[in-house]
Amino acid sequence: MKAKSLLGALLAVGLGLVAMSHSADVLAAGGKPKKEAAAPPQGEPPMTKRAIGLPLKGVAFGQSPKQVAEAIDNLLNEDYRPLYKEVQPGVKMKALDAQLAEDKDQFRRSRIDFGKLPTGVDSTPLRGEYTYQNKEALYQMNRKGGVTSFFFIQERLWKIIVEYKLTDSSALGKNFQDAGVKLTTIYGAPGRVIPADAKHFATEIDWKDGNIHLRAIQRSDTALGIAFEDNSTLVSLASLRSFKPVEDSGIDPAVAAAMRGPSPELGPPPKVDPKAKAKPKK
């Protein structure tokens, strides 16, 4: 998906929303158009017309892993409620109890700490969403066929990424462009398109409101991740990530030395004439 065609689709929807809003403003003001709001500053994600909500009931930014686990327990209890209605006390109910307990424990066991040693997450699409040696951790939940990732810094939740599959029947459309247009309609403003580059591993579209920064991340033509980030944490992220890794050029030191060329030879020290008189010290 090319960023230019995606941007064009989002702008087309955005212009339609502006036109509808403008007409409503004219009627509300008795025929006099209202002053249009200023465009968001360049380089900043646009503000949404409606609030961005977190995707899971009971989960909030700033919670500890224990608090998030308790909220997930409640969600799983609701998921299993219809299943319990279909079984009678006995072997099948005990098996259901065991499966529910396993699902709850899966979240708690999923913790990955980003300490001094590299992790397998580095080879997944989540690379770049965390740093090492800054008290960051990741938990994951498998629920209803999808994966949700929870990112903690200093034991406080600050980011959630939900993975979505895009099909003909999915609420966000059948491809990434459809999803961008759908989100533009939901939030009332075209998002900022960020093409994939050395810093961004995938094309993204983002928005923000007063509390949350939302990023739609292209995983493929038929899959995307939606990231919800806490604005207050983003503002102080540089200070929270106080450990800065040393930049590695990837060049072997021996190769780098060869590329620099030979060092100038100093040669033997100059000969001293024993007959020469030493210069008096000033």
Foldseek 3Di string as FASTA:
>chain_A
DDLVVLLVLLVVLLVVLVVVVQVVQCVVVVNDTDDDDDFDDPPDKAAFPDADDDDAPQDDWFAFLVSVLVSVLVVLCVVCVVVVVVDDPDDVVVVVVVVSVVQSVQQVVQKDAQEDDDDPCCPPLCNLVDHYHLQKMKTWHQDPNWIKIFIDGPRTTFKIKTKDFAPCPDPCHQFDSSNQNSVCVVRSHRFDWDQDDPNRNFIWTWYHHPFWIWIWGHPDGGMTMIMIGGPVCVVCVCVSPVDDDDDDPPDDPVVVVVVVPDDDDPDDDDDDDPPDDDDDDD
